[in-house]
Protein backbone atom coordinates (compact mmCIF):
# COMPACT_ATOMS: atom_id res chain seq x y z
CA MET A 1 15.22 -6.41 25.91
CA PRO A 2 15.98 -4.81 22.69
CA GLU A 3 13.08 -2.51 21.26
CA ARG A 4 11.22 -3.68 18.62
CA ARG A 5 11.43 -2.22 15.13
CA GLU A 6 8.61 -0.57 13.69
CA TRP A 7 7.67 -1.56 10.11
CA LEU A 8 6.58 0.56 7.32
CA VAL A 9 3.41 -0.66 5.53
CA VAL A 10 3.58 1.12 2.04
CA PRO A 11 0.43 0.74 0.05
CA ASP A 12 -0.03 1.52 -3.78
CA THR A 13 -3.20 3.29 -5.13
CA ASN A 14 -5.13 0.10 -5.87
CA PHE A 15 -4.76 -1.11 -2.61
CA LEU A 16 -5.89 1.91 -0.92
CA LEU A 17 -9.11 1.39 -3.18
CA VAL A 18 -10.04 -2.06 -1.43
CA PRO A 19 -12.05 -0.47 1.13
CA GLY A 20 -14.57 1.17 -1.42
CA GLN A 21 -14.60 -1.74 -3.93
CA PHE A 22 -14.76 -4.73 -1.78
CA GLY A 23 -15.47 -3.36 1.62
CA VAL A 24 -12.75 -4.87 3.51
CA ASP A 25 -11.33 -2.98 6.31
CA ILE A 26 -7.62 -2.78 5.64
CA ILE A 27 -6.38 -1.42 8.87
CA SER A 28 -7.81 -4.11 11.01
CA GLU A 29 -7.00 -6.75 8.45
CA LEU A 30 -3.38 -5.50 8.43
CA SER A 31 -3.44 -5.69 12.43
CA ARG A 32 -4.61 -9.31 11.83
CA VAL A 33 -2.01 -10.27 9.51
CA LEU A 34 1.11 -8.51 10.72
CA ASP A 35 2.48 -9.56 14.04
CA VAL A 36 4.69 -6.52 14.55
CA ARG A 37 4.56 -3.06 15.22
CA PHE A 38 3.97 -0.99 11.93
CA LYS A 39 2.71 2.48 10.87
CA ILE A 40 1.22 3.04 7.34
CA ALA A 41 2.99 5.56 5.13
CA VAL A 42 1.39 6.66 1.78
CA PRO A 43 3.83 7.72 -0.96
CA ASN A 44 3.21 11.13 -2.10
CA VAL A 45 2.67 9.80 -5.87
CA VAL A 46 0.19 7.49 -4.73
CA LEU A 47 -2.16 10.47 -3.25
CA GLN A 48 -1.17 12.38 -6.92
CA GLU A 49 -2.52 9.33 -8.56
CA LEU A 50 -5.81 9.58 -6.71
CA ASP A 51 -6.33 13.12 -7.52
CA VAL A 52 -5.56 12.39 -11.28
CA ILE A 53 -8.04 9.22 -11.42
CA GLU A 54 -10.77 11.11 -9.38
CA ARG A 55 -11.20 13.83 -12.00
CA LYS A 56 -12.05 10.85 -14.66
CA ALA A 57 -14.12 8.63 -12.28
CA ARG A 58 -17.72 8.38 -11.98
CA GLY A 59 -20.09 6.42 -9.66
CA LYS A 60 -18.79 3.58 -7.73
CA ASP A 61 -14.99 4.23 -8.73
CA LEU A 62 -15.46 7.93 -7.43
CA MET A 63 -16.92 6.79 -4.36
CA ALA A 64 -14.09 4.27 -4.08
CA ILE A 65 -11.44 6.90 -4.76
CA ARG A 66 -13.08 9.37 -2.18
CA MET A 67 -12.82 6.86 0.51
CA ALA A 68 -9.25 6.09 -0.47
CA LYS A 69 -8.59 9.72 -0.18
CA LYS A 70 -10.24 10.03 3.30
CA LEU A 71 -8.64 6.90 4.46
CA ALA A 72 -4.97 8.26 3.52
CA GLU A 73 -5.55 11.61 5.62
CA ARG A 74 -5.06 9.56 8.57
CA PHE A 75 -1.60 8.20 7.58
CA GLU A 76 2.01 9.88 7.28
CA VAL A 77 2.61 10.70 3.76
CA ILE A 78 6.26 9.64 2.30
CA ASP A 79 8.22 11.44 -0.39
CA ILE A 80 9.34 8.60 -2.69
CA GLY A 81 9.51 10.47 -6.10
CA GLU A 82 7.87 12.51 -8.83
CA PHE A 83 4.73 11.90 -10.11
CA GLY A 84 4.74 11.37 -13.85
CA ARG A 85 8.45 10.88 -13.99
CA ARG A 86 8.42 7.10 -13.73
CA PRO A 87 5.86 4.17 -13.20
CA ILE A 88 4.76 4.53 -9.54
CA ASP A 89 5.19 0.65 -9.13
CA ASP A 90 8.65 1.18 -9.95
CA GLN A 91 8.96 3.92 -7.64
CA ILE A 92 7.55 1.97 -4.73
CA PHE A 93 9.80 -0.79 -5.68
CA ASP A 94 12.86 1.39 -5.50
CA PHE A 95 11.69 2.60 -2.06
CA ALA A 96 11.17 -0.60 -0.70
CA VAL A 97 14.42 -2.15 -1.82
CA LYS A 98 16.62 0.83 -0.41
CA ASN A 99 14.87 1.06 2.98
CA GLU A 100 14.93 -1.57 5.69
CA HIS A 101 11.45 -2.77 7.41
CA VAL A 102 9.09 -2.21 4.60
CA VAL A 103 6.08 -4.10 3.59
CA VAL A 104 4.33 -3.42 0.43
CA CYS A 105 0.60 -3.56 0.03
CA THR A 106 -0.33 -4.24 -3.56
CA ASN A 107 -2.49 -6.42 -5.82
CA ASP A 108 -0.08 -5.77 -8.83
CA LYS A 109 1.03 -9.31 -9.87
CA GLY A 110 4.00 -7.88 -11.20
CA LEU A 111 5.13 -5.53 -8.38
CA LYS A 112 4.62 -8.47 -5.96
CA LYS A 113 6.55 -10.66 -8.04
CA ARG A 114 9.48 -8.30 -8.06
CA LEU A 115 9.30 -7.63 -4.53
CA ARG A 116 9.23 -11.26 -3.44
CA GLU A 117 12.07 -11.67 -5.55
CA ARG A 118 14.02 -9.29 -3.63
CA GLY A 119 12.68 -10.77 -0.24
CA ILE A 120 10.62 -8.00 0.42
CA PRO A 121 7.17 -8.83 2.40
CA VAL A 122 3.92 -8.12 0.58
CA VAL A 123 0.50 -7.77 1.61
CA TYR A 124 -2.26 -8.43 -0.94
CA LEU A 125 -6.23 -8.73 -1.28
CA ARG A 126 -7.12 -12.70 -1.44
CA SER A 127 -10.56 -13.81 -2.44
CA ARG A 128 -11.92 -10.15 -2.56
CA LYS A 129 -12.03 -10.57 1.13
CA ILE A 130 -9.13 -10.75 3.58
CA LEU A 131 -5.71 -9.65 3.40
CA GLU A 132 -2.78 -12.04 3.07
CA LEU A 133 0.99 -11.69 3.97
CA GLU A 134 3.62 -13.42 1.67
CA GLY A 135 7.21 -13.13 3.12
CA MET A 136 8.91 -13.09 6.53
CA LEU A 137 9.02 -10.15 8.96
CA GLY A 138 12.21 -10.85 10.35
């Protein structure tokens, strides 16, 4: 029997803020919606963006950012580009297009639409409480 390929699950910045903003356990939710082997890998530019927005954040936003950074420590970091050179959404999009078996986690409607047009599966937050997969994991 051939070995099942592992999917790379790539969250954008706002997706990592979901646990702190909405109290959703994204890891158990990802396990629920993705019926495949996967590992979560956080783009280097997403980590850098979290550092930048943390410096300006206050109150509940700051708590969500700190929770996101703590969560991100549990995952592999992938180098997808250079922070500040191009929009992060574009860098995530390019990475997903160039690599096979990538699932992008985003709530950004524009990025989601572009990815789906290219046949790339997307996981997003639905009704502020559950994750949903759009697209096929073939």
